[in-house]
Amino acid sequence: MIDTQQSDWDEQAQLFLMGYRALPHDTTGISPCMLMLGRQIGLPEDLEYGIPFHEQVQLCSGDYAKQLRARLQELHEITIETVRDLRSRQNSATISRLNPPISSPGMR
C-alpha cells in the first residue's frame, strides 16, 4: 500500500482513516461515523456494488432531522450501556486478580 520509500503515507492515510471510521469500535460496538453522523459513510465498494435500497430513501428535511435526532439518542444510550457493562466486567476481573482466594496451609 505504501511505497518502499514511505513517501506517500499522507496519501494513503485518508483511506486508512476512512476504513477506521467505518468499522465498529471494540468498546462501543458502533462505528465512529455512526456515532457522529447517525449513519454509515459511503465507501468505495458502495460505488462499485451499489448502495442497498433501504439506504437510498429520501426524507424531507423535517422528518430527516427528527429521525436523525432519535437515532443519535438511541446510539448514545446503547454506547453508554455498553461502556458501563465493559467497565463493570473489567472492575470485577481486577478485583478478583487483586484479591486471590485465601488458602489454608493444608490446601493446594
N, C-alpha and C. Protein backbone atom coordinates (compact mmCIF):
# COMPACT_ATOMS: atom_id res chain seq x y z
N MET A 1 0.83 -1.19 0.00
CA MET A 1 0.00 0.00 0.00
C MET A 1 0.88 1.26 0.00
N ILE A 2 1.80 1.36 0.94
CA ILE A 2 2.74 2.49 0.97
C ILE A 2 4.01 2.04 0.28
N ASP A 3 4.59 2.93 -0.56
CA ASP A 3 5.77 2.53 -1.32
C ASP A 3 6.97 2.30 -0.39
N THR A 4 8.01 1.70 -0.94
CA THR A 4 9.17 1.31 -0.14
C THR A 4 9.90 2.51 0.47
N GLN A 5 9.80 3.67 -0.14
CA GLN A 5 10.45 4.86 0.39
C GLN A 5 9.59 5.54 1.46
N GLN A 6 8.39 5.05 1.66
CA GLN A 6 7.43 5.60 2.63
C GLN A 6 7.19 7.09 2.42
N SER A 7 7.11 7.48 1.16
CA SER A 7 6.91 8.90 0.87
C SER A 7 5.46 9.25 0.55
N ASP A 8 4.61 8.23 0.40
CA ASP A 8 3.22 8.53 0.06
C ASP A 8 2.25 8.19 1.20
N TRP A 9 2.75 8.13 2.43
CA TRP A 9 1.90 7.78 3.56
C TRP A 9 0.77 8.77 3.74
N ASP A 10 1.03 10.07 3.43
CA ASP A 10 0.00 11.08 3.62
C ASP A 10 -1.17 10.88 2.64
N GLU A 11 -0.90 10.28 1.49
CA GLU A 11 -1.97 10.00 0.53
C GLU A 11 -2.77 8.77 0.97
N GLN A 12 -2.09 7.81 1.58
CA GLN A 12 -2.75 6.57 1.99
C GLN A 12 -3.48 6.71 3.33
N ALA A 13 -3.10 7.70 4.12
CA ALA A 13 -3.71 7.87 5.44
C ALA A 13 -5.21 8.10 5.35
N GLN A 14 -5.66 8.81 4.31
CA GLN A 14 -7.09 9.08 4.17
C GLN A 14 -7.89 7.80 4.01
N LEU A 15 -7.39 6.86 3.22
CA LEU A 15 -8.08 5.58 3.04
C LEU A 15 -8.09 4.78 4.33
N PHE A 16 -6.96 4.79 5.03
CA PHE A 16 -6.89 4.09 6.31
C PHE A 16 -7.91 4.66 7.30
N LEU A 17 -7.95 6.00 7.40
CA LEU A 17 -8.87 6.63 8.34
C LEU A 17 -10.33 6.40 7.95
N MET A 18 -10.62 6.37 6.66
CA MET A 18 -11.99 6.09 6.23
C MET A 18 -12.41 4.70 6.71
N GLY A 19 -11.53 3.73 6.53
CA GLY A 19 -11.83 2.38 6.99
C GLY A 19 -11.98 2.31 8.49
N TYR A 20 -11.11 3.00 9.22
CA TYR A 20 -11.17 3.02 10.69
C TYR A 20 -12.49 3.61 11.16
N ARG A 21 -12.90 4.69 10.54
CA ARG A 21 -14.14 5.38 10.96
C ARG A 21 -15.39 4.60 10.60
N ALA A 22 -15.29 3.70 9.63
CA ALA A 22 -16.46 2.94 9.18
C ALA A 22 -16.66 1.63 9.94
N LEU A 23 -15.62 1.15 10.63
CA LEU A 23 -15.70 -0.13 11.34
C LEU A 23 -16.19 0.07 12.78
N PRO A 24 -16.98 -0.87 13.28
CA PRO A 24 -17.43 -0.78 14.68
C PRO A 24 -16.24 -0.83 15.63
N HIS A 25 -16.28 0.00 16.66
CA HIS A 25 -15.24 0.07 17.66
C HIS A 25 -15.38 -1.11 18.62
N ASP A 26 -14.27 -1.65 19.11
CA ASP A 26 -14.30 -2.80 20.01
C ASP A 26 -15.09 -2.50 21.29
N THR A 27 -14.93 -1.30 21.84
CA THR A 27 -15.58 -0.98 23.10
C THR A 27 -17.07 -0.72 22.95
N THR A 28 -17.43 0.10 21.96
CA THR A 28 -18.83 0.51 21.82
C THR A 28 -19.65 -0.42 20.95
N GLY A 29 -18.97 -1.11 20.01
CA GLY A 29 -19.70 -1.94 19.05
C GLY A 29 -20.34 -1.13 17.95
N ILE A 30 -20.06 0.16 17.90
CA ILE A 30 -20.64 1.08 16.91
C ILE A 30 -19.50 1.85 16.25
N SER A 31 -19.63 2.10 14.96
CA SER A 31 -18.56 2.82 14.26
C SER A 31 -18.55 4.30 14.64
N PRO A 32 -17.37 4.94 14.59
CA PRO A 32 -17.29 6.37 14.88
C PRO A 32 -18.20 7.20 13.96
N CYS A 33 -18.32 6.80 12.68
CA CYS A 33 -19.20 7.55 11.77
C CYS A 33 -20.65 7.47 12.21
N MET A 34 -21.08 6.30 12.63
CA MET A 34 -22.45 6.14 13.08
C MET A 34 -22.72 7.01 14.31
N LEU A 35 -21.75 7.07 15.22
CA LEU A 35 -21.92 7.88 16.42
C LEU A 35 -21.93 9.37 16.11
N MET A 36 -21.13 9.79 15.14
CA MET A 36 -21.04 11.21 14.83
C MET A 36 -22.11 11.69 13.85
N LEU A 37 -22.43 10.86 12.87
CA LEU A 37 -23.32 11.29 11.79
C LEU A 37 -24.70 10.65 11.85
N GLY A 38 -24.82 9.58 12.63
CA GLY A 38 -26.09 8.87 12.69
C GLY A 38 -26.31 7.97 11.49
N ARG A 39 -25.27 7.74 10.71
CA ARG A 39 -25.35 6.88 9.53
C ARG A 39 -23.94 6.43 9.19
N GLN A 40 -23.86 5.40 8.35
CA GLN A 40 -22.56 4.97 7.85
C GLN A 40 -22.16 5.86 6.68
N ILE A 41 -20.87 6.03 6.48
CA ILE A 41 -20.39 6.80 5.34
C ILE A 41 -20.41 5.93 4.10
N GLY A 42 -20.45 6.58 2.94
CA GLY A 42 -20.35 5.84 1.69
C GLY A 42 -18.92 5.41 1.46
N LEU A 43 -18.75 4.15 1.16
CA LEU A 43 -17.41 3.60 0.92
C LEU A 43 -17.22 3.34 -0.57
N PRO A 44 -15.98 3.21 -1.03
CA PRO A 44 -15.73 2.92 -2.44
C PRO A 44 -16.49 1.69 -2.95
N GLU A 45 -16.67 0.69 -2.09
CA GLU A 45 -17.39 -0.51 -2.51
C GLU A 45 -18.85 -0.21 -2.81
N ASP A 46 -19.42 0.84 -2.19
CA ASP A 46 -20.80 1.22 -2.48
C ASP A 46 -20.94 1.69 -3.93
N LEU A 47 -19.91 2.36 -4.43
CA LEU A 47 -19.94 2.80 -5.83
C LEU A 47 -19.85 1.62 -6.78
N GLU A 48 -19.03 0.65 -6.40
CA GLU A 48 -18.82 -0.50 -7.27
C GLU A 48 -20.01 -1.46 -7.26
N TYR A 49 -20.55 -1.73 -6.07
CA TYR A 49 -21.60 -2.73 -5.95
C TYR A 49 -22.99 -2.15 -5.77
N GLY A 50 -23.10 -0.85 -5.57
CA GLY A 50 -24.39 -0.21 -5.38
C GLY A 50 -24.77 -0.12 -3.91
N ILE A 51 -25.54 0.90 -3.59
CA ILE A 51 -25.97 1.13 -2.22
C ILE A 51 -27.28 0.38 -2.00
N PRO A 52 -27.45 -0.32 -0.87
CA PRO A 52 -28.71 -1.01 -0.60
C PRO A 52 -29.90 -0.06 -0.66
N PHE A 53 -31.03 -0.56 -1.12
CA PHE A 53 -32.22 0.27 -1.34
C PHE A 53 -32.65 1.02 -0.07
N HIS A 54 -32.61 0.34 1.09
CA HIS A 54 -33.10 0.99 2.31
C HIS A 54 -32.28 2.21 2.69
N GLU A 55 -31.06 2.33 2.18
CA GLU A 55 -30.24 3.49 2.48
C GLU A 55 -30.45 4.62 1.47
N GLN A 56 -31.19 4.36 0.39
CA GLN A 56 -31.41 5.36 -0.63
C GLN A 56 -32.67 6.19 -0.41
N VAL A 57 -33.48 5.83 0.58
CA VAL A 57 -34.75 6.51 0.81
C VAL A 57 -34.49 7.96 1.20
N GLN A 58 -35.17 8.88 0.52
CA GLN A 58 -35.02 10.30 0.78
C GLN A 58 -36.17 10.79 1.66
N LEU A 59 -35.88 11.60 2.64
CA LEU A 59 -36.89 12.16 3.52
C LEU A 59 -36.88 13.67 3.40
N CYS A 60 -37.99 14.30 3.73
CA CYS A 60 -37.97 15.76 3.77
C CYS A 60 -37.12 16.18 4.97
N SER A 61 -36.64 17.40 4.99
CA SER A 61 -35.67 17.82 5.99
C SER A 61 -36.21 17.73 7.41
N GLY A 62 -37.48 18.02 7.63
CA GLY A 62 -38.05 17.93 8.98
C GLY A 62 -38.08 16.50 9.49
N ASP A 63 -38.53 15.58 8.63
CA ASP A 63 -38.57 14.16 9.03
C ASP A 63 -37.16 13.62 9.23
N TYR A 64 -36.25 14.00 8.36
CA TYR A 64 -34.87 13.53 8.48
C TYR A 64 -34.27 13.99 9.80
N ALA A 65 -34.49 15.26 10.15
CA ALA A 65 -33.92 15.79 11.39
C ALA A 65 -34.49 15.06 12.61
N LYS A 66 -35.79 14.78 12.61
CA LYS A 66 -36.40 14.07 13.73
C LYS A 66 -35.86 12.66 13.85
N GLN A 67 -35.76 11.97 12.72
CA GLN A 67 -35.25 10.60 12.74
C GLN A 67 -33.77 10.57 13.12
N LEU A 68 -33.00 11.54 12.64
CA LEU A 68 -31.59 11.61 12.99
C LEU A 68 -31.41 11.84 14.48
N ARG A 69 -32.18 12.76 15.04
CA ARG A 69 -32.09 13.03 16.47
C ARG A 69 -32.43 11.77 17.28
N ALA A 70 -33.49 11.07 16.89
CA ALA A 70 -33.89 9.86 17.59
C ALA A 70 -32.82 8.78 17.46
N ARG A 71 -32.25 8.62 16.27
CA ARG A 71 -31.22 7.61 16.03
C ARG A 71 -29.96 7.92 16.84
N LEU A 72 -29.55 9.19 16.88
CA LEU A 72 -28.36 9.56 17.65
C LEU A 72 -28.60 9.37 19.15
N GLN A 73 -29.79 9.67 19.63
CA GLN A 73 -30.11 9.46 21.04
C GLN A 73 -30.05 7.98 21.39
N GLU A 74 -30.61 7.14 20.51
CA GLU A 74 -30.58 5.70 20.72
C GLU A 74 -29.14 5.17 20.73
N LEU A 75 -28.32 5.63 19.78
CA LEU A 75 -26.92 5.21 19.72
C LEU A 75 -26.17 5.65 20.96
N HIS A 76 -26.45 6.84 21.45
CA HIS A 76 -25.81 7.34 22.65
C HIS A 76 -26.15 6.45 23.85
N GLU A 77 -27.41 6.09 23.98
CA GLU A 77 -27.83 5.23 25.10
C GLU A 77 -27.20 3.84 25.00
N ILE A 78 -27.14 3.30 23.79
CA ILE A 78 -26.52 1.98 23.59
C ILE A 78 -25.04 2.05 23.96
N THR A 79 -24.36 3.10 23.54
CA THR A 79 -22.94 3.26 23.82
C THR A 79 -22.68 3.38 25.31
N ILE A 80 -23.47 4.20 26.00
CA ILE A 80 -23.30 4.37 27.45
C ILE A 80 -23.48 3.03 28.16
N GLU A 81 -24.51 2.28 27.80
CA GLU A 81 -24.78 0.99 28.44
C GLU A 81 -23.66 -0.02 28.14
N THR A 82 -23.17 -0.04 26.91
CA THR A 82 -22.09 -0.96 26.54
C THR A 82 -20.82 -0.65 27.31
N VAL A 83 -20.47 0.61 27.40
CA VAL A 83 -19.25 1.00 28.13
C VAL A 83 -19.42 0.71 29.62
N ARG A 84 -20.61 0.95 30.16
CA ARG A 84 -20.88 0.66 31.57
C ARG A 84 -20.71 -0.84 31.86
N ASP A 85 -21.23 -1.69 30.98
CA ASP A 85 -21.08 -3.14 31.15
C ASP A 85 -19.62 -3.56 31.07
N LEU A 86 -18.91 -3.00 30.10
CA LEU A 86 -17.49 -3.34 29.94
C LEU A 86 -16.70 -2.91 31.17
N ARG A 87 -16.96 -1.73 31.67
CA ARG A 87 -16.26 -1.23 32.86
C ARG A 87 -16.54 -2.14 34.06
N SER A 88 -17.78 -2.58 34.21
CA SER A 88 -18.15 -3.46 35.31
C SER A 88 -17.39 -4.79 35.22
N ARG A 89 -17.31 -5.35 34.00
CA ARG A 89 -16.57 -6.61 33.83
C ARG A 89 -15.09 -6.43 34.11
N GLN A 90 -14.53 -5.30 33.68
CA GLN A 90 -13.11 -5.05 33.94
C GLN A 90 -12.85 -4.87 35.43
N ASN A 91 -13.74 -4.17 36.13
CA ASN A 91 -13.57 -3.98 37.57
C ASN A 91 -13.66 -5.31 38.30
N SER A 92 -14.59 -6.18 37.91
CA SER A 92 -14.71 -7.49 38.54
C SER A 92 -13.45 -8.32 38.34
N ALA A 93 -12.90 -8.27 37.13
CA ALA A 93 -11.68 -9.02 36.84
C ALA A 93 -10.50 -8.48 37.65
N THR A 94 -10.42 -7.16 37.79
CA THR A 94 -9.33 -6.54 38.56
C THR A 94 -9.44 -6.90 40.03
N ILE A 95 -10.65 -6.84 40.57
CA ILE A 95 -10.84 -7.16 41.99
C ILE A 95 -10.48 -8.62 42.27
N SER A 96 -10.91 -9.52 41.40
CA SER A 96 -10.59 -10.93 41.63
C SER A 96 -9.09 -11.20 41.48
N ARG A 97 -8.43 -10.45 40.63
CA ARG A 97 -6.99 -10.63 40.47
C ARG A 97 -6.22 -10.06 41.66
N LEU A 98 -6.71 -8.94 42.22
CA LEU A 98 -6.03 -8.32 43.35
C LEU A 98 -6.33 -9.01 44.68
N ASN A 99 -7.47 -9.71 44.75
CA ASN A 99 -7.87 -10.40 45.97
C ASN A 99 -8.01 -11.89 45.71
N PRO A 100 -6.89 -12.60 45.57
CA PRO A 100 -6.99 -14.05 45.32
C PRO A 100 -7.58 -14.75 46.54
N PRO A 101 -8.18 -15.91 46.33
CA PRO A 101 -8.74 -16.63 47.45
C PRO A 101 -7.66 -17.02 48.47
N ILE A 102 -8.02 -16.91 49.72
CA ILE A 102 -7.06 -17.24 50.79
C ILE A 102 -7.09 -18.74 51.01
N SER A 103 -5.93 -19.34 51.01
CA SER A 103 -5.86 -20.79 51.21
C SER A 103 -5.20 -21.08 52.55
N SER A 104 -5.62 -22.18 53.15
CA SER A 104 -5.02 -22.59 54.42
C SER A 104 -3.75 -23.40 54.11
N PRO A 105 -2.88 -23.61 55.10
CA PRO A 105 -1.63 -24.33 54.84
C PRO A 105 -1.81 -25.72 54.24
N GLY A 106 -2.89 -26.40 54.53
CA GLY A 106 -3.09 -27.75 54.01
C GLY A 106 -3.68 -27.78 52.62
N MET A 107 -4.13 -26.65 52.09
CA MET A 107 -4.74 -26.60 50.76
C MET A 107 -3.69 -26.34 49.70
N ARG A 108 -3.96 -26.83 48.49
CA ARG A 108 -3.05 -26.56 47.37
C ARG A 108 -3.77 -25.86 46.28
